[in-house]
Amino acid sequence: MTRTRCKWETLWRKRQLADLLAQRRGDSRGLRFSWKRGQEVVCWIEDYCRQYEGEFAGKPLILEPWQRSIVRHVFGWLRADGLRRFRTAYIEIPRKNGKSALSSAVGLYLLVADGEPGAQVYCSATKEDQAKIVWRTACKMVQRSEDLRSMLRKRHSVLEDEGNDGFFRPLGANSDTLDGLNPHANIVDELHAHKDRGVWDVLDTAMGARRQPLTIAITTAGLFDPTSIGWEQHDYATKVLEGTFEDDAFFAYIAAADEGDDFFSEETQRKANPNFSVSVKPDYLAKQAEKAKRQPSFMNEYLRLHLNVWTAQATRWLSLEKWDELATDVVLEALRNRPCYAGLDLSSKLDLTSLVLVFPEDDGSVLLVPRFWIPEDRVKEELEKGRAHYAAWVRDEHLIATPGAVVDQEFIRSEVNRIAGIVDMRELAYDRWGATALATRLIEEDGRTLAEFGQGYRSMSEPAKDFGARIVSGKLRHDGNPVLRWCVSNVSVRSDPAGNIKPDKETSTGKIDGVVAAIMGLARANVGGVSAPLVSFV
């Protein structure tokens, strides 16, 4: 039976192909793929590493095709300077798909054969005992391999490479100290279980002295928690795969059941488990599925561990695939003097400010044209953390960086007035929180018509439902701005017992300001504005 690929695995392959085609066209951003370089790592693993338990103990560790592909691409993609492209490899797969064997083998390669003097390789987890699982697997591989035994020596909880002055050791949040580390590689086991980002951040910041450091996170799905490092990296990985974020240094592979799948079918089990019928036995999964049917309390565990589905998760409200179908080319100047209604979501002092223009169309649809601003110091801070999406959007003029460290309200005011000089801005809806001073100046000094718009169920529910319905029906178009697309990909909604809904910033996975601004603008467009210069909608 042919294995169907899930959404994320399909996007992973599309990303690989797009990068290879870009290289062929000569517009690969300075990146190049060396199949030979990647295959050398595959061959090293299969030549030196040995299986360590079961009937095949002592035999060469032969990687599965999907594992070979991961290794080839993580190690085969190079920058213009010849160093490795990827600095983070995020691999999310269900239990029993060989993650310990793969991560241990890669760790041994990074210690012995990566050409890094004094390589320090850490396998980290929430507790040192958990971190030792990968380390012990590596030790067993060494024990079974005559070649590796000649290179490495086990001393207490450390594998030492005396010829290279390097070592491979487990590290947990409960380790004696996290100071003074100089890691060449960090293998994070079960990232979903990390309650905070302590170990992750310490090791990440400690890698600065290495030429081509690599963090490998291999995990299963976990419990949804928007504040956790596990969910943060999962969410970031999905956005890289979807193309929402452009990050050439981040590798992502996810195998999971898709939304809408029959969670108890063999087809879904096969889709979610790339090692189905190899290390993952079909009869074992069938028994787990039956247990989940009989015991509802086991269902979430079954979904997380065996189908790689995050549970207790706020469901994405809007379809990103449908949203992409609604993009069209728009030039603001071509909309000169066209009536529109706008929504303004003024950020906190340090983050994103969103203005969305809503143009009613003759056929009953609407056209959205957004504008976004962010303090330039915020862009620099994100770059320093390795997050380049703000900088990329500023570069491509989808996002405007305002001077300084905080939102410049006078700059925003000037931009609103400039745009109002091009289009016929009938009314501007705004969230009163934090925007009173700006609103007052726009009204009293600039003569703009503003509507104060509350963020509760009463004011948000009907326009939010209309916003979602328009996307489904195709009665909405937009200019394809990637910042607004990001907001769409982040937003989840909260509902009350009466069935009212509103965008929920607490359970959403990132900024949703653009969607909030769009809903406010749509609400005012739907009623055709107001005659008074200021009206309150609470």
Protein backbone atom coordinates (compact mmCIF):
# COMPACT_ATOMS: atom_id res chain seq x y z
CA MET A 1 0.00 0.00 0.00
CA THR A 2 1.36 3.39 -1.02
CA ARG A 3 1.92 5.79 1.86
CA THR A 4 0.04 9.09 1.49
CA ARG A 5 2.03 12.12 2.56
CA CYS A 6 0.49 14.55 5.01
CA LYS A 7 0.16 18.27 4.33
CA TRP A 8 3.44 19.17 6.06
CA GLU A 9 5.50 16.45 4.41
CA THR A 10 4.13 17.55 1.03
CA LEU A 11 5.09 21.16 1.74
CA TRP A 12 8.54 19.99 2.87
CA ARG A 13 9.09 18.29 -0.49
CA LYS A 14 7.78 21.34 -2.36
CA ARG A 15 10.23 23.54 -0.47
CA GLN A 16 13.12 21.24 -1.40
CA LEU A 17 12.09 21.27 -5.05
CA ALA A 18 11.66 25.05 -5.13
CA ASP A 19 15.15 25.55 -3.69
CA LEU A 20 16.67 23.12 -6.20
CA LEU A 21 14.90 24.85 -9.10
CA ALA A 22 16.08 28.24 -7.81
CA GLN A 23 19.65 26.93 -7.79
CA ARG A 24 19.25 25.74 -11.36
CA ARG A 25 17.93 29.16 -12.44
CA GLY A 26 20.77 30.97 -10.72
CA ASP A 27 18.61 32.80 -8.14
CA SER A 28 19.23 30.57 -5.13
CA ARG A 29 20.16 33.41 -2.72
CA GLY A 30 23.75 32.18 -2.60
CA LEU A 31 22.70 28.67 -1.57
CA ARG A 32 23.71 25.46 -3.31
CA PHE A 33 22.86 21.82 -2.78
CA SER A 34 25.67 19.25 -2.79
CA TRP A 35 24.16 15.79 -3.07
CA LYS A 36 27.67 14.39 -2.65
CA ARG A 37 28.19 16.25 0.63
CA GLY A 38 24.85 15.08 2.03
CA GLN A 39 25.39 11.51 0.85
CA GLU A 40 28.78 11.43 2.58
CA VAL A 41 26.98 11.86 5.91
CA VAL A 42 24.46 9.15 5.01
CA CYS A 43 27.31 6.78 4.12
CA TRP A 44 29.22 7.60 7.29
CA ILE A 45 26.18 6.75 9.44
CA GLU A 46 25.52 3.51 7.59
CA ASP A 47 29.21 2.51 7.59
CA TYR A 48 30.06 3.32 11.21
CA CYS A 49 26.87 3.10 13.24
CA ARG A 50 25.38 -0.21 14.29
CA GLN A 51 21.96 -1.30 15.43
CA TYR A 52 22.07 -1.85 19.14
CA GLU A 53 19.13 -4.06 20.12
CA GLY A 54 16.76 -6.74 18.85
CA GLU A 55 17.37 -9.32 16.18
CA PHE A 56 19.53 -6.99 14.08
CA ALA A 57 21.84 -5.86 16.89
CA GLY A 58 25.36 -5.38 15.56
CA LYS A 59 24.21 -4.99 11.95
CA PRO A 60 24.79 -1.71 10.06
CA LEU A 61 22.24 1.01 10.77
CA ILE A 62 20.59 1.41 7.37
CA LEU A 63 18.50 4.54 7.17
CA GLU A 64 15.04 4.56 5.66
CA PRO A 65 14.53 6.64 2.47
CA TRP A 66 12.82 9.50 4.37
CA GLN A 67 15.68 9.57 6.90
CA ARG A 68 18.28 9.64 4.14
CA SER A 69 16.49 12.53 2.51
CA ILE A 70 16.48 14.50 5.77
CA VAL A 71 20.17 13.88 6.37
CA ARG A 72 21.12 14.74 2.78
CA HIS A 73 19.29 18.03 2.90
CA VAL A 74 20.36 19.10 6.41
CA PHE A 75 24.02 18.46 5.55
CA GLY A 76 24.01 18.90 1.79
CA TRP A 77 22.71 22.45 1.56
CA LEU A 78 25.57 24.95 1.76
CA ARG A 79 25.91 28.73 1.86
CA ALA A 80 28.04 30.75 -0.52
CA ASP A 81 30.95 30.50 1.94
CA GLY A 82 30.79 26.70 1.86
CA LEU A 83 29.42 26.34 5.39
CA ARG A 84 26.17 24.57 6.24
CA ARG A 85 23.00 26.41 5.35
CA PHE A 86 20.82 25.09 8.15
CA ARG A 87 21.39 26.10 11.76
CA THR A 88 18.20 24.53 13.15
CA ALA A 89 16.62 21.23 12.09
CA TYR A 90 13.12 20.68 13.49
CA ILE A 91 11.89 17.09 13.06
CA GLU A 92 8.47 16.18 14.44
CA ILE A 93 7.34 12.55 14.17
CA PRO A 94 5.24 10.12 16.24
CA ARG A 95 6.67 7.66 18.75
CA LYS A 96 8.61 4.57 17.61
CA ASN A 97 9.70 6.06 14.28
CA GLY A 98 13.39 5.74 15.11
CA LYS A 99 14.05 9.27 16.36
CA SER A 100 16.52 8.15 19.07
CA ALA A 101 18.57 6.09 16.62
CA LEU A 102 18.61 8.87 14.01
CA SER A 103 19.52 11.64 16.46
CA SER A 104 22.21 9.51 18.14
CA ALA A 105 23.81 8.61 14.82
CA VAL A 106 23.78 12.24 13.67
CA GLY A 107 25.25 13.27 17.03
CA LEU A 108 28.13 10.81 16.62
CA TYR A 109 28.83 12.14 13.14
CA LEU A 110 28.89 15.72 14.42
CA LEU A 111 31.34 14.68 17.14
CA VAL A 112 33.74 12.62 15.06
CA ALA A 113 33.48 13.51 11.38
CA ASP A 114 32.15 17.07 10.94
CA GLY A 115 35.58 18.68 10.91
CA GLU A 116 34.96 20.82 13.99
CA PRO A 117 37.95 21.02 16.39
CA GLY A 118 36.96 20.27 19.97
CA ALA A 119 33.36 19.57 19.01
CA GLN A 120 30.98 19.72 21.98
CA VAL A 121 27.78 17.80 21.28
CA TYR A 122 24.96 17.93 23.81
CA CYS A 123 21.74 15.96 23.96
CA SER A 124 19.39 18.02 26.08
CA ALA A 125 16.01 17.53 27.67
CA THR A 126 13.94 18.78 30.58
CA LYS A 127 15.77 16.40 32.90
CA GLU A 128 19.16 14.83 32.60
CA ASP A 129 17.66 11.32 32.86
CA GLN A 130 15.58 12.05 29.76
CA ALA A 131 18.59 13.49 27.97
CA LYS A 132 20.51 10.28 28.67
CA ILE A 133 18.14 8.27 26.46
CA VAL A 134 19.75 9.63 23.29
CA TRP A 135 23.19 9.55 24.86
CA ARG A 136 22.81 5.92 25.96
CA THR A 137 21.67 4.99 22.46
CA ALA A 138 24.84 6.60 21.11
CA CYS A 139 26.93 4.66 23.65
CA LYS A 140 25.32 1.38 22.58
CA MET A 141 26.08 2.18 18.94
CA VAL A 142 29.71 2.82 19.84
CA GLN A 143 29.85 -0.41 21.82
CA ARG A 144 28.60 -2.38 18.78
CA SER A 145 31.00 -0.71 16.33
CA GLU A 146 34.68 -1.65 16.29
CA ASP A 147 35.53 1.53 14.37
CA LEU A 148 33.76 3.85 16.81
CA ARG A 149 35.19 2.02 19.81
CA SER A 150 38.65 2.84 18.49
CA MET A 151 37.78 6.56 18.29
CA LEU A 152 35.73 7.16 21.43
CA ARG A 153 35.98 6.48 25.13
CA LYS A 154 33.15 6.46 27.65
CA ARG A 155 33.94 8.19 30.94
CA HIS A 156 31.01 8.38 33.36
CA SER A 157 28.34 10.37 31.49
CA VAL A 158 30.59 11.57 28.69
CA LEU A 159 31.69 10.10 25.36
CA GLU A 160 35.12 11.53 24.65
CA ASP A 161 36.90 11.93 21.32
CA GLU A 162 40.47 12.12 22.54
CA GLY A 163 41.87 12.67 19.06
CA ASN A 164 39.69 15.76 18.53
CA ASP A 165 39.39 16.91 22.15
CA GLY A 166 35.61 16.78 21.76
CA PHE A 167 32.81 15.13 23.71
CA PHE A 168 29.17 14.03 23.61
CA ARG A 169 27.23 14.39 26.85
CA PRO A 170 23.66 14.62 28.18
CA LEU A 171 22.41 17.88 29.59
CA GLY A 172 19.19 18.65 31.41
CA ALA A 173 17.63 21.70 32.97
CA ASN A 174 18.53 20.13 36.32
CA SER A 175 22.23 19.83 35.43
CA ASP A 176 24.66 21.40 37.88
CA THR A 177 25.47 24.31 35.58
CA LEU A 178 24.61 25.59 32.15
CA ASP A 179 27.42 28.13 32.14
CA GLY A 180 30.60 28.00 30.08
CA LEU A 181 29.19 25.86 27.26
CA ASN A 182 30.53 26.07 23.72
CA PRO A 183 28.32 23.67 21.76
CA HIS A 184 28.94 22.66 18.18
CA ALA A 185 25.68 20.74 18.17
CA ASN A 186 22.64 20.47 20.40
CA ILE A 187 20.20 17.59 20.06
CA VAL A 188 16.96 18.41 21.86
CA ASP A 189 14.90 15.39 22.80
CA GLU A 190 11.11 15.75 23.12
CA LEU A 191 11.02 19.51 22.84
CA HIS A 192 7.26 19.49 23.46
CA ALA A 193 7.92 18.53 27.11
CA HIS A 194 10.02 21.64 27.86
CA LYS A 195 7.98 23.86 30.19
CA ASP A 196 10.20 26.86 29.61
CA ARG A 197 12.88 27.93 27.17
CA GLY A 198 15.78 27.94 29.63
CA VAL A 199 17.95 25.14 28.18
CA TRP A 200 17.05 26.04 24.59
CA ASP A 201 18.04 29.69 24.98
CA VAL A 202 21.26 28.96 26.89
CA LEU A 203 22.51 26.54 24.26
CA ASP A 204 21.33 28.69 21.37
CA THR A 205 23.17 31.77 22.59
CA ALA A 206 26.27 29.72 23.45
CA MET A 207 26.75 28.62 19.81
CA GLY A 208 28.02 31.97 18.61
CA ALA A 209 31.69 30.96 18.58
CA ARG A 210 31.21 27.97 16.25
CA ARG A 211 31.56 28.08 12.44
CA GLN A 212 28.49 26.04 11.58
CA PRO A 213 26.60 25.05 14.73
CA LEU A 214 23.51 22.90 14.47
CA THR A 215 20.50 22.50 16.74
CA ILE A 216 18.41 19.41 16.08
CA ALA A 217 15.02 19.20 17.77
CA ILE A 218 13.37 15.79 17.42
CA THR A 219 10.02 15.59 19.13
CA THR A 220 6.49 14.29 19.06
CA ALA A 221 3.45 16.54 19.28
CA GLY A 222 2.48 17.81 22.72
CA LEU A 223 -0.18 19.74 24.58
CA PHE A 224 -1.01 23.09 23.06
CA ASP A 225 0.52 25.92 25.07
CA PRO A 226 1.16 29.18 23.18
CA THR A 227 3.83 30.18 25.73
CA SER A 228 5.94 26.99 25.44
CA ILE A 229 9.15 26.66 23.41
CA GLY A 230 7.81 23.42 21.91
CA TRP A 231 4.71 25.04 20.45
CA GLU A 232 6.72 28.11 19.42
CA GLN A 233 9.08 25.99 17.32
CA HIS A 234 6.24 23.84 15.93
CA ASP A 235 4.29 26.92 14.92
CA TYR A 236 7.39 28.52 13.40
CA ALA A 237 8.15 25.32 11.47
CA THR A 238 4.64 25.21 9.97
CA LYS A 239 4.89 28.83 8.91
CA VAL A 240 8.27 28.22 7.23
CA LEU A 241 6.77 25.25 5.36
CA GLU A 242 3.72 27.30 4.34
CA GLY A 243 5.93 30.11 3.11
CA THR A 244 4.63 32.61 5.65
CA PHE A 245 8.17 33.02 6.98
CA GLU A 246 11.30 33.04 4.85
CA ASP A 247 14.14 31.46 6.83
CA ASP A 248 16.94 29.82 4.88
CA ALA A 249 18.63 28.59 8.06
CA PHE A 250 15.63 26.66 9.41
CA PHE A 251 14.91 23.07 8.29
CA ALA A 252 11.51 21.60 9.08
CA TYR A 253 10.05 18.13 8.63
CA ILE A 254 6.69 17.10 10.13
CA ALA A 255 4.79 13.83 9.66
CA ALA A 256 1.28 13.83 11.12
CA ALA A 257 -2.36 13.09 10.52
CA ASP A 258 -4.19 15.85 8.69
CA GLU A 259 -7.26 17.70 9.86
CA GLY A 260 -10.33 15.79 8.77
CA ASP A 261 -8.61 12.38 8.61
CA ASP A 262 -10.17 9.28 10.10
CA PHE A 263 -7.90 8.93 13.12
CA PHE A 264 -8.58 5.20 13.47
CA SER A 265 -7.88 4.11 9.89
CA GLU A 266 -4.72 2.33 8.79
CA GLU A 267 -4.34 4.86 5.97
CA THR A 268 -4.07 7.71 8.49
CA GLN A 269 -1.69 5.73 10.71
CA ARG A 270 0.49 5.04 7.69
CA LYS A 271 0.44 8.72 6.68
CA ALA A 272 1.50 9.92 10.12
CA ASN A 273 4.23 7.30 10.66
CA PRO A 274 7.03 7.34 8.06
CA ASN A 275 8.43 4.11 9.58
CA PHE A 276 5.09 2.31 9.30
CA SER A 277 5.69 -1.47 8.97
CA VAL A 278 9.40 -0.92 9.78
CA SER A 279 9.85 0.14 13.40
CA VAL A 280 6.18 0.99 13.84
CA LYS A 281 4.18 -2.23 13.71
CA PRO A 282 0.65 -2.05 12.23
CA ASP A 283 -0.84 -4.43 14.81
CA TYR A 284 0.55 -2.27 17.63
CA LEU A 285 -1.08 0.87 16.19
CA ALA A 286 -4.33 -1.00 15.62
CA LYS A 287 -4.39 -1.96 19.31
CA GLN A 288 -3.69 1.64 20.35
CA ALA A 289 -6.55 2.83 18.14
CA GLU A 290 -8.93 0.31 19.69
CA LYS A 291 -7.88 1.40 23.15
CA ALA A 292 -8.61 5.04 22.23
CA LYS A 293 -12.08 4.04 20.99
CA ARG A 294 -12.85 2.20 24.23
CA GLN A 295 -11.26 4.71 26.59
CA PRO A 296 -11.97 8.36 25.72
CA SER A 297 -9.41 9.41 28.32
CA PHE A 298 -6.71 7.77 26.17
CA MET A 299 -7.75 9.54 22.95
CA ASN A 300 -5.55 12.61 23.31
CA GLU A 301 -2.52 10.48 24.17
CA TYR A 302 -3.17 8.34 21.10
CA LEU A 303 -3.39 11.46 18.91
CA ARG A 304 -0.18 12.98 20.26
CA LEU A 305 2.04 9.93 20.48
CA HIS A 306 0.92 7.92 17.46
CA LEU A 307 -0.54 10.42 14.98
CA ASN A 308 1.53 13.47 15.96
CA VAL A 309 -1.51 15.68 16.54
CA TRP A 310 -1.22 18.50 19.08
CA THR A 311 -4.14 18.32 21.51
CA ALA A 312 -6.11 20.89 23.49
CA GLN A 313 -5.24 23.15 20.61
CA ALA A 314 -7.14 26.16 19.45
CA THR A 315 -8.16 25.29 15.91
CA ARG A 316 -7.05 27.61 13.13
CA TRP A 317 -10.10 29.67 12.30
CA LEU A 318 -9.38 30.55 8.70
CA SER A 319 -8.18 28.39 5.82
CA LEU A 320 -4.81 29.62 4.60
CA GLU A 321 -5.25 27.71 1.35
CA LYS A 322 -8.55 29.51 0.64
CA TRP A 323 -7.02 32.83 1.67
CA ASP A 324 -4.23 32.40 -0.89
CA GLU A 325 -6.79 31.82 -3.64
CA LEU A 326 -8.24 35.28 -3.00
CA ALA A 327 -5.03 37.26 -3.63
CA THR A 328 -4.98 39.75 -6.50
CA ASP A 329 -2.68 42.49 -7.78
CA VAL A 330 -3.54 45.85 -6.25
CA VAL A 331 -1.94 49.29 -6.64
CA LEU A 332 -3.24 51.84 -4.15
CA GLU A 333 -2.89 54.69 -6.63
CA ALA A 334 -5.30 52.86 -8.96
CA LEU A 335 -7.94 53.12 -6.21
CA ARG A 336 -7.73 56.92 -6.08
CA ASN A 337 -10.94 58.52 -4.79
CA ARG A 338 -12.59 55.12 -4.26
CA PRO A 339 -14.76 55.04 -1.11
CA CYS A 340 -13.36 52.85 1.64
CA TYR A 341 -13.67 52.17 5.35
CA ALA A 342 -10.65 51.44 7.52
CA GLY A 343 -9.75 49.61 10.70
CA LEU A 344 -6.76 50.64 12.82
CA ASP A 345 -5.23 48.35 15.45
CA LEU A 346 -2.59 50.42 17.18
CA SER A 347 0.02 48.23 18.79
CA SER A 348 1.56 48.36 22.16
CA LYS A 349 4.58 50.62 22.13
CA LEU A 350 6.93 47.90 20.89
CA ASP A 351 5.15 45.99 18.16
CA LEU A 352 2.95 45.80 15.08
CA THR A 353 0.46 48.51 14.08
CA SER A 354 -2.10 47.56 11.44
CA LEU A 355 -4.30 49.62 9.12
CA VAL A 356 -6.63 47.77 6.75
CA LEU A 357 -8.62 49.60 4.05
CA VAL A 358 -11.88 47.91 3.07
CA PHE A 359 -13.24 48.84 -0.38
CA PRO A 360 -16.86 47.78 -1.13
CA GLU A 361 -17.18 46.35 -4.67
CA ASP A 362 -20.14 46.56 -7.04
CA ASP A 363 -20.71 42.79 -6.88
CA GLY A 364 -21.12 42.81 -3.09
CA SER A 365 -17.57 41.67 -2.36
CA VAL A 366 -14.85 43.67 -0.61
CA LEU A 367 -11.22 44.40 -1.37
CA LEU A 368 -8.69 44.60 1.48
CA VAL A 369 -5.55 46.72 1.25
CA PRO A 370 -3.44 46.62 4.44
CA ARG A 371 -0.58 48.75 5.71
CA PHE A 372 1.69 47.73 8.60
CA TRP A 373 4.24 49.59 10.74
CA ILE A 374 6.72 48.44 13.37
CA PRO A 375 9.52 50.18 15.37
CA GLU A 376 12.87 49.60 13.64
CA ASP A 377 14.50 48.56 16.93
CA ARG A 378 11.99 45.70 17.15
CA VAL A 379 13.12 44.47 13.73
CA LYS A 380 16.74 44.48 14.92
CA GLU A 381 15.83 42.58 18.10
CA GLU A 382 14.11 39.83 16.11
CA LEU A 383 17.09 39.58 13.75
CA GLU A 384 19.44 39.14 16.70
CA LYS A 385 17.25 36.20 17.82
CA GLY A 386 17.58 34.61 14.37
CA ARG A 387 14.07 35.58 13.27
CA ALA A 388 14.30 37.30 9.92
CA HIS A 389 10.66 37.61 8.86
CA TYR A 390 10.20 41.23 9.97
CA ALA A 391 13.42 42.25 8.23
CA ALA A 392 12.40 40.40 5.04
CA TRP A 393 9.01 42.12 5.01
CA VAL A 394 10.61 45.52 5.57
CA ARG A 395 13.06 44.79 2.72
CA ASP A 396 10.20 43.89 0.39
CA GLU A 397 8.14 46.93 1.50
CA HIS A 398 5.28 44.92 2.96
CA LEU A 399 6.06 46.39 6.38
CA ILE A 400 7.32 49.88 7.24
CA ALA A 401 9.89 50.31 10.01
CA THR A 402 9.35 53.51 11.97
CA PRO A 403 12.29 55.26 13.65
CA GLY A 404 13.21 54.39 17.20
CA ALA A 405 12.27 51.79 19.80
CA VAL A 406 8.54 52.51 20.19
CA VAL A 407 5.57 53.15 17.96
CA ASP A 408 5.74 56.68 16.57
CA GLN A 409 2.11 57.82 16.66
CA GLU A 410 2.87 61.00 14.75
CA PHE A 411 4.38 58.91 11.97
CA ILE A 412 1.25 56.75 11.91
CA ARG A 413 -0.93 59.86 11.88
CA SER A 414 0.99 61.27 8.93
CA GLU A 415 0.64 57.98 7.03
CA VAL A 416 -3.11 57.78 7.70
CA ASN A 417 -3.53 61.32 6.36
CA ARG A 418 -1.36 60.57 3.33
CA ILE A 419 -3.46 57.51 2.46
CA ALA A 420 -6.67 59.48 3.08
CA GLY A 421 -5.41 61.95 0.48
CA ILE A 422 -5.39 59.17 -2.12
CA VAL A 423 -8.59 57.26 -1.36
CA ASP A 424 -11.95 58.43 -0.07
CA MET A 425 -11.60 57.22 3.54
CA ARG A 426 -15.17 57.57 4.74
CA GLU A 427 -14.51 56.35 8.26
CA LEU A 428 -11.75 54.89 10.41
CA ALA A 429 -12.65 52.38 13.16
CA TYR A 430 -10.17 52.02 16.00
CA ASP A 431 -9.66 50.18 19.26
CA ARG A 432 -9.80 52.85 21.94
CA TRP A 433 -7.15 51.07 24.02
CA GLY A 434 -3.93 53.02 23.61
CA ALA A 435 -5.17 55.11 20.69
CA THR A 436 -7.16 57.91 22.33
CA ALA A 437 -4.52 60.59 21.82
CA LEU A 438 -3.97 59.65 18.18
CA ALA A 439 -7.72 59.50 17.53
CA THR A 440 -8.26 62.92 19.09
CA ARG A 441 -5.66 64.56 16.83
CA LEU A 442 -7.00 62.82 13.72
CA ILE A 443 -10.50 64.11 14.55
CA GLU A 444 -9.80 67.59 15.89
CA GLU A 445 -6.78 68.63 13.83
CA ASP A 446 -7.16 66.58 10.64
CA GLY A 447 -10.93 66.40 10.30
CA ARG A 448 -11.11 62.62 10.00
CA THR A 449 -14.24 60.65 10.84
CA LEU A 450 -13.47 57.96 13.42
CA ALA A 451 -15.53 55.24 15.10
CA GLU A 452 -14.49 53.91 18.49
CA PHE A 453 -14.78 50.12 18.23
CA GLY A 454 -14.87 47.72 21.19
CA GLN A 455 -13.19 44.33 21.13
CA GLY A 456 -15.87 42.29 22.90
CA TYR A 457 -18.43 39.85 21.56
CA ARG A 458 -21.08 42.54 21.09
CA SER A 459 -19.14 44.52 18.51
CA MET A 460 -16.87 41.83 17.03
CA SER A 461 -19.07 38.77 16.56
CA GLU A 462 -21.17 39.67 13.51
CA PRO A 463 -18.36 41.24 11.44
CA ALA A 464 -16.01 38.38 12.41
CA LYS A 465 -18.54 35.82 11.18
CA ASP A 466 -19.00 37.86 8.01
CA PHE A 467 -15.23 38.02 7.50
CA GLY A 468 -14.94 34.23 7.73
CA ALA A 469 -17.99 33.65 5.50
CA ARG A 470 -16.63 35.99 2.82
CA ILE A 471 -13.38 34.04 2.68
CA VAL A 472 -15.25 30.76 2.25
CA SER A 473 -17.60 32.21 -0.40
CA GLY A 474 -14.91 34.13 -2.26
CA LYS A 475 -16.61 37.48 -1.57
CA LEU A 476 -13.34 38.98 -0.39
CA ARG A 477 -10.15 39.85 -2.19
CA HIS A 478 -6.82 41.14 -0.89
CA ASP A 479 -3.44 42.26 -2.20
CA GLY A 480 -1.46 39.24 -0.99
CA ASN A 481 0.44 41.11 1.72
CA PRO A 482 2.48 38.44 3.61
CA VAL A 483 2.11 40.23 6.96
CA LEU A 484 -1.69 39.99 6.73
CA ARG A 485 -1.31 36.37 5.61
CA TRP A 486 0.72 35.72 8.77
CA CYS A 487 -2.03 37.24 10.90
CA VAL A 488 -4.60 35.04 9.14
CA SER A 489 -2.47 31.95 9.85
CA ASN A 490 -2.24 32.87 13.54
CA VAL A 491 -5.78 33.76 14.48
CA SER A 492 -8.10 31.60 16.55
CA VAL A 493 -11.49 32.59 17.92
CA ARG A 494 -13.22 32.36 21.26
CA SER A 495 -16.98 31.79 21.53
CA ASP A 496 -19.51 32.41 24.28
CA PRO A 497 -22.53 30.21 25.18
CA ALA A 498 -24.75 32.22 22.84
CA GLY A 499 -22.55 31.35 19.85
CA ASN A 500 -20.91 34.76 19.51
CA ILE A 501 -17.27 34.80 18.47
CA LYS A 502 -14.30 37.13 18.59
CA PRO A 503 -10.61 36.85 17.65
CA ASP A 504 -8.70 35.70 20.71
CA LYS A 505 -5.19 37.05 21.19
CA GLU A 506 -4.51 34.71 24.14
CA THR A 507 -4.97 31.44 22.23
CA SER A 508 -3.77 32.69 18.85
CA THR A 509 -0.23 31.66 17.95
CA GLY A 510 1.17 35.04 16.95
CA LYS A 511 0.14 38.52 15.94
CA ILE A 512 -3.45 38.87 14.72
CA ASP A 513 -3.62 42.67 14.55
CA GLY A 514 -4.17 42.72 10.78
CA VAL A 515 -7.24 40.48 11.05
CA VAL A 516 -8.66 42.58 13.90
CA ALA A 517 -8.19 45.75 11.85
CA ALA A 518 -9.82 44.09 8.82
CA ILE A 519 -12.86 43.03 10.87
CA MET A 520 -13.29 46.54 12.26
CA GLY A 521 -13.07 48.07 8.79
CA LEU A 522 -15.50 45.49 7.40
CA ALA A 523 -18.00 46.24 10.18
CA ARG A 524 -18.13 49.90 9.22
CA ALA A 525 -18.23 49.14 5.49
CA ASN A 526 -21.23 46.86 6.06
CA VAL A 527 -23.29 49.70 7.57
CA GLY A 528 -21.97 52.40 5.25
CA GLY A 529 -20.39 54.51 7.91
CA VAL A 530 -21.94 57.11 10.22
CA SER A 531 -22.82 60.76 9.90
CA ALA A 532 -21.34 61.87 13.20
CA PRO A 533 -17.58 62.52 13.43
CA LEU A 534 -17.15 60.04 16.27
CA VAL A 535 -19.30 57.15 17.37
CA SER A 536 -18.64 54.43 19.94
CA PHE A 537 -19.22 50.71 19.28
CA VAL A 538 -18.79 48.82 22.52
